[in-house]
């Protein structure tokens, strides 16, 4: 048993799972037909939502006892490609609109990413260069005095 127990409040409630389960695609068949049974879909979804809600690393799932990190991540990719999460979000949004109401005419969306074309000097220094002072390591005597004589760094 892991760190997370049954009545922890993080599991998907039955009323939500009833609406979520029909959105899941059929599991892919194993090419040989002989493999360990898959982790139950509900356990995998509980693990995925725990990672998404808390921001914990996938590898930390192993300590929870809900589902292994590899199973949860594999299922996350499978369901994300199938559009499960997008459809569940869409249905939740429509249900909220029906129950509470969304003022759609007041919504706006902007997803611009890129450099400001007119930023100039007012934008400040590049974040990667802010704390750097003096000479770079490429021009330092330490690099020239290396034993190998190579100017290239070893891959790490």
C-alpha atoms as a PDB file:
ATOM      1  CA  UNK A   1       0.000   0.000   0.000  1.00  0.00           C
ATOM      2  CA  UNK A   2       1.274   3.441  -0.836  1.00  0.00           C
ATOM      3  CA  UNK A   3       0.971   6.825   0.761  1.00  0.00           C
ATOM      4  CA  UNK A   4      -2.476   7.631  -0.649  1.00  0.00           C
ATOM      5  CA  UNK A   5      -5.456   5.927   0.980  1.00  0.00           C
ATOM      6  CA  UNK A   6      -8.963   5.263  -0.379  1.00  0.00           C
ATOM      7  CA  UNK A   7     -10.751   8.105   1.451  1.00  0.00           C
ATOM      8  CA  UNK A   8      -8.220  10.818   0.698  1.00  0.00           C
ATOM      9  CA  UNK A   9     -10.574  13.054  -1.313  1.00  0.00           C
ATOM     10  CA  UNK A  10      -8.335  12.934  -4.405  1.00  0.00           C
ATOM     11  CA  UNK A  11     -10.107  10.081  -6.151  1.00  0.00           C
ATOM     12  CA  UNK A  12     -12.619  10.675  -8.935  1.00  0.00           C
ATOM     13  CA  UNK A  13     -16.159  10.647  -7.483  1.00  0.00           C
ATOM     14  CA  UNK A  14     -18.566   8.055  -8.892  1.00  0.00           C
ATOM     15  CA  UNK A  15     -20.831  10.720 -10.430  1.00  0.00           C
ATOM     16  CA  UNK A  16     -17.879  12.159 -12.383  1.00  0.00           C
ATOM     17  CA  UNK A  17     -16.528   8.761 -13.429  1.00  0.00           C
ATOM     18  CA  UNK A  18     -19.928   7.820 -14.881  1.00  0.00           C
ATOM     19  CA  UNK A  19     -19.599  10.745 -17.290  1.00  0.00           C
ATOM     20  CA  UNK A  20     -15.880  10.292 -17.939  1.00  0.00           C
ATOM     21  CA  UNK A  21     -15.702   6.548 -18.618  1.00  0.00           C
ATOM     22  CA  UNK A  22     -17.707   6.579 -21.896  1.00  0.00           C
ATOM     23  CA  UNK A  23     -15.207   9.080 -23.343  1.00  0.00           C
ATOM     24  CA  UNK A  24     -12.297   6.630 -23.023  1.00  0.00           C
ATOM     25  CA  UNK A  25     -11.259   4.817 -26.204  1.00  0.00           C
ATOM     26  CA  UNK A  26     -11.051   1.054 -26.450  1.00  0.00           C
ATOM     27  CA  UNK A  27      -7.715  -0.190 -25.153  1.00  0.00           C
ATOM     28  CA  UNK A  28      -5.261  -1.207 -27.844  1.00  0.00           C
ATOM     29  CA  UNK A  29      -4.790  -4.918 -28.256  1.00  0.00           C
ATOM     30  CA  UNK A  30      -1.449  -6.473 -27.468  1.00  0.00           C
ATOM     31  CA  UNK A  31       0.208  -7.861 -30.631  1.00  0.00           C
ATOM     32  CA  UNK A  32       0.924 -11.207 -28.954  1.00  0.00           C
ATOM     33  CA  UNK A  33      -2.289 -11.302 -26.967  1.00  0.00           C
ATOM     34  CA  UNK A  34      -0.439 -12.361 -23.845  1.00  0.00           C
ATOM     35  CA  UNK A  35       0.521  -9.705 -21.385  1.00  0.00           C
ATOM     36  CA  UNK A  36      -0.178  -8.535 -17.885  1.00  0.00           C
ATOM     37  CA  UNK A  37      -3.646  -7.028 -17.534  1.00  0.00           C
ATOM     38  CA  UNK A  38      -3.807  -3.271 -17.836  1.00  0.00           C
ATOM     39  CA  UNK A  39      -4.162  -1.070 -14.787  1.00  0.00           C
ATOM     40  CA  UNK A  40      -7.874  -0.273 -14.397  1.00  0.00           C
ATOM     41  CA  UNK A  41      -8.842   2.902 -16.255  1.00  0.00           C
ATOM     42  CA  UNK A  42     -10.157   4.568 -13.124  1.00  0.00           C
ATOM     43  CA  UNK A  43      -6.891   4.007 -11.238  1.00  0.00           C
ATOM     44  CA  UNK A  44      -4.911   5.400 -14.173  1.00  0.00           C
ATOM     45  CA  UNK A  45      -7.179   8.460 -14.364  1.00  0.00           C
ATOM     46  CA  UNK A  46      -6.861   9.018 -10.609  1.00  0.00           C
ATOM     47  CA  UNK A  47      -3.072   8.936 -10.949  1.00  0.00           C
ATOM     48  CA  UNK A  48      -3.095  11.291 -13.951  1.00  0.00           C
ATOM     49  CA  UNK A  49      -5.343  13.817 -12.233  1.00  0.00           C
ATOM     50  CA  UNK A  50      -3.216  13.650  -9.079  1.00  0.00           C
ATOM     51  CA  UNK A  51      -0.153  14.610 -11.117  1.00  0.00           C
ATOM     52  CA  UNK A  52      -2.023  17.371 -12.950  1.00  0.00           C
ATOM     53  CA  UNK A  53      -3.560  18.825  -9.772  1.00  0.00           C
ATOM     54  CA  UNK A  54      -0.465  18.758  -7.583  1.00  0.00           C
ATOM     55  CA  UNK A  55       2.291  19.294 -10.150  1.00  0.00           C
ATOM     56  CA  UNK A  56       4.198  16.335  -8.741  1.00  0.00           C
ATOM     57  CA  UNK A  57       6.611  14.423 -10.945  1.00  0.00           C
ATOM     58  CA  UNK A  58       5.362  11.349 -12.758  1.00  0.00           C
ATOM     59  CA  UNK A  59       8.002   9.214 -11.005  1.00  0.00           C
ATOM     60  CA  UNK A  60       6.541  10.161  -7.612  1.00  0.00           C
ATOM     61  CA  UNK A  61       3.412   8.167  -8.451  1.00  0.00           C
ATOM     62  CA  UNK A  62       5.200   4.937  -7.596  1.00  0.00           C
ATOM     63  CA  UNK A  63       5.194   5.912  -3.911  1.00  0.00           C
ATOM     64  CA  UNK A  64       1.451   6.612  -3.859  1.00  0.00           C
ATOM     65  CA  UNK A  65       0.341   3.063  -4.660  1.00  0.00           C
ATOM     66  CA  UNK A  66      -2.359   4.303  -7.037  1.00  0.00           C
ATOM     67  CA  UNK A  67      -0.662   3.333 -10.261  1.00  0.00           C
ATOM     68  CA  UNK A  68       2.880   3.049 -11.584  1.00  0.00           C
ATOM     69  CA  UNK A  69       4.326   6.149 -13.207  1.00  0.00           C
ATOM     70  CA  UNK A  70       4.945   4.383 -16.509  1.00  0.00           C
ATOM     71  CA  UNK A  71       1.378   3.068 -16.738  1.00  0.00           C
ATOM     72  CA  UNK A  72      -0.112   6.448 -15.848  1.00  0.00           C
ATOM     73  CA  UNK A  73       2.057   8.386 -18.289  1.00  0.00           C
ATOM     74  CA  UNK A  74       1.456   5.871 -21.099  1.00  0.00           C
ATOM     75  CA  UNK A  75      -2.303   6.129 -20.527  1.00  0.00           C
ATOM     76  CA  UNK A  76      -2.086   9.937 -20.330  1.00  0.00           C
ATOM     77  CA  UNK A  77      -0.425  10.076 -23.756  1.00  0.00           C
ATOM     78  CA  UNK A  78      -2.906   7.584 -25.202  1.00  0.00           C
ATOM     79  CA  UNK A  79      -5.922   9.510 -23.922  1.00  0.00           C
ATOM     80  CA  UNK A  80      -4.521  12.934 -24.771  1.00  0.00           C
ATOM     81  CA  UNK A  81      -3.978  11.833 -28.385  1.00  0.00           C
ATOM     82  CA  UNK A  82      -7.551  10.482 -28.444  1.00  0.00           C
ATOM     83  CA  UNK A  83      -8.894  13.867 -27.253  1.00  0.00           C
ATOM     84  CA  UNK A  84     -10.372  12.529 -24.000  1.00  0.00           C
ATOM     85  CA  UNK A  85      -9.293  15.453 -21.827  1.00  0.00           C
ATOM     86  CA  UNK A  86     -10.386  18.066 -24.348  1.00  0.00           C
ATOM     87  CA  UNK A  87     -13.821  16.463 -24.677  1.00  0.00           C
ATOM     88  CA  UNK A  88     -14.235  16.148 -20.918  1.00  0.00           C
ATOM     89  CA  UNK A  89     -13.290  19.810 -20.511  1.00  0.00           C
ATOM     90  CA  UNK A  90     -15.770  20.781 -23.263  1.00  0.00           C
ATOM     91  CA  UNK A  91     -18.594  18.816 -21.668  1.00  0.00           C
ATOM     92  CA  UNK A  92     -17.816  20.315 -18.251  1.00  0.00           C
ATOM     93  CA  UNK A  93     -17.822  23.804 -19.697  1.00  0.00           C
ATOM     94  CA  UNK A  94     -21.185  23.247 -21.386  1.00  0.00           C
ATOM     95  CA  UNK A  95     -22.640  21.772 -18.177  1.00  0.00           C
ATOM     96  CA  UNK A  96     -21.434  24.815 -16.226  1.00  0.00           C
ATOM     97  CA  UNK A  97     -22.940  27.114 -18.854  1.00  0.00           C
ATOM     98  CA  UNK A  98     -26.253  25.296 -18.572  1.00  0.00           C
ATOM     99  CA  UNK A  99     -26.288  25.395 -14.766  1.00  0.00           C
ATOM    100  CA  UNK A 100     -24.717  28.778 -13.960  1.00  0.00           C
ATOM    101  CA  UNK A 101     -24.313  30.509 -17.289  1.00  0.00           C
ATOM    102  CA  UNK A 102     -21.277  31.861 -19.091  1.00  0.00           C
ATOM    103  CA  UNK A 103     -21.344  35.309 -20.618  1.00  0.00           C
ATOM    104  CA  UNK A 104     -19.765  34.222 -23.897  1.00  0.00           C
ATOM    105  CA  UNK A 105     -19.856  37.740 -25.370  1.00  0.00           C
ATOM    106  CA  UNK A 106     -17.434  38.936 -22.669  1.00  0.00           C
ATOM    107  CA  UNK A 107     -14.789  36.303 -23.342  1.00  0.00           C
ATOM    108  CA  UNK A 108     -11.562  36.975 -25.187  1.00  0.00           C
ATOM    109  CA  UNK A 109      -8.521  34.878 -25.894  1.00  0.00           C
ATOM    110  CA  UNK A 110      -5.015  35.884 -26.846  1.00  0.00           C
ATOM    111  CA  UNK A 111      -2.230  33.433 -27.398  1.00  0.00           C
ATOM    112  CA  UNK A 112       0.539  35.550 -28.878  1.00  0.00           C
ATOM    113  CA  UNK A 113       4.053  34.308 -28.203  1.00  0.00           C
ATOM    114  CA  UNK A 114       7.094  36.010 -29.604  1.00  0.00           C
ATOM    115  CA  UNK A 115       9.264  39.062 -29.410  1.00  0.00           C
ATOM    116  CA  UNK A 116       7.755  42.499 -29.145  1.00  0.00           C
ATOM    117  CA  UNK A 117       8.463  44.108 -32.527  1.00  0.00           C
ATOM    118  CA  UNK A 118       8.746  47.632 -31.097  1.00  0.00           C
ATOM    119  CA  UNK A 119      10.285  46.753 -27.722  1.00  0.00           C
ATOM    120  CA  UNK A 120      13.734  48.196 -28.329  1.00  0.00           C
ATOM    121  CA  UNK A 121      15.789  49.285 -25.327  1.00  0.00           C
ATOM    122  CA  UNK A 122      12.732  49.500 -23.075  1.00  0.00           C
ATOM    123  CA  UNK A 123      12.442  45.715 -22.839  1.00  0.00           C
ATOM    124  CA  UNK A 124      15.641  45.308 -20.794  1.00  0.00           C
ATOM    125  CA  UNK A 125      18.425  42.763 -21.113  1.00  0.00           C
ATOM    126  CA  UNK A 126      17.909  39.215 -22.266  1.00  0.00           C
ATOM    127  CA  UNK A 127      16.981  37.041 -19.229  1.00  0.00           C
ATOM    128  CA  UNK A 128      19.794  34.596 -19.997  1.00  0.00           C
ATOM    129  CA  UNK A 129      22.425  37.380 -19.947  1.00  0.00           C
ATOM    130  CA  UNK A 130      21.303  39.400 -16.901  1.00  0.00           C
ATOM    131  CA  UNK A 131      23.753  38.192 -14.258  1.00  0.00           C
ATOM    132  CA  UNK A 132      26.740  37.608 -16.499  1.00  0.00           C
ATOM    133  CA  UNK A 133      29.707  39.918 -16.117  1.00  0.00           C
ATOM    134  CA  UNK A 134      33.194  39.791 -17.524  1.00  0.00           C
ATOM    135  CA  UNK A 135      34.644  37.373 -20.032  1.00  0.00           C
ATOM    136  CA  UNK A 136      32.962  34.221 -21.217  1.00  0.00           C
ATOM    137  CA  UNK A 137      34.408  30.790 -20.530  1.00  0.00           C
ATOM    138  CA  UNK A 138      35.324  30.375 -24.190  1.00  0.00           C
ATOM    139  CA  UNK A 139      37.910  33.141 -24.030  1.00  0.00           C
ATOM    140  CA  UNK A 140      39.306  32.306 -20.588  1.00  0.00           C
ATOM    141  CA  UNK A 141      42.836  31.056 -19.951  1.00  0.00           C
ATOM    142  CA  UNK A 142      41.442  28.054 -18.105  1.00  0.00           C
ATOM    143  CA  UNK A 143      39.954  26.606 -21.302  1.00  0.00           C
ATOM    144  CA  UNK A 144      43.193  27.160 -23.227  1.00  0.00           C
ATOM    145  CA  UNK A 145      45.155  25.401 -20.489  1.00  0.00           C
ATOM    146  CA  UNK A 146      43.131  22.193 -20.569  1.00  0.00           C
ATOM    147  CA  UNK A 147      45.064  18.936 -20.711  1.00  0.00           C
ATOM    148  CA  UNK A 148      43.546  17.656 -23.910  1.00  0.00           C
ATOM    149  CA  UNK A 149      44.100  20.890 -25.774  1.00  0.00           C
ATOM    150  CA  UNK A 150      40.615  20.524 -27.255  1.00  0.00           C
ATOM    151  CA  UNK A 151      38.480  23.625 -27.329  1.00  0.00           C
ATOM    152  CA  UNK A 152      35.312  21.542 -27.372  1.00  0.00           C
ATOM    153  CA  UNK A 153      33.565  20.606 -24.182  1.00  0.00           C
ATOM    154  CA  UNK A 154      32.826  17.003 -23.310  1.00  0.00           C
ATOM    155  CA  UNK A 155      29.206  15.966 -23.653  1.00  0.00           C
ATOM    156  CA  UNK A 156      27.456  15.495 -20.350  1.00  0.00           C
END
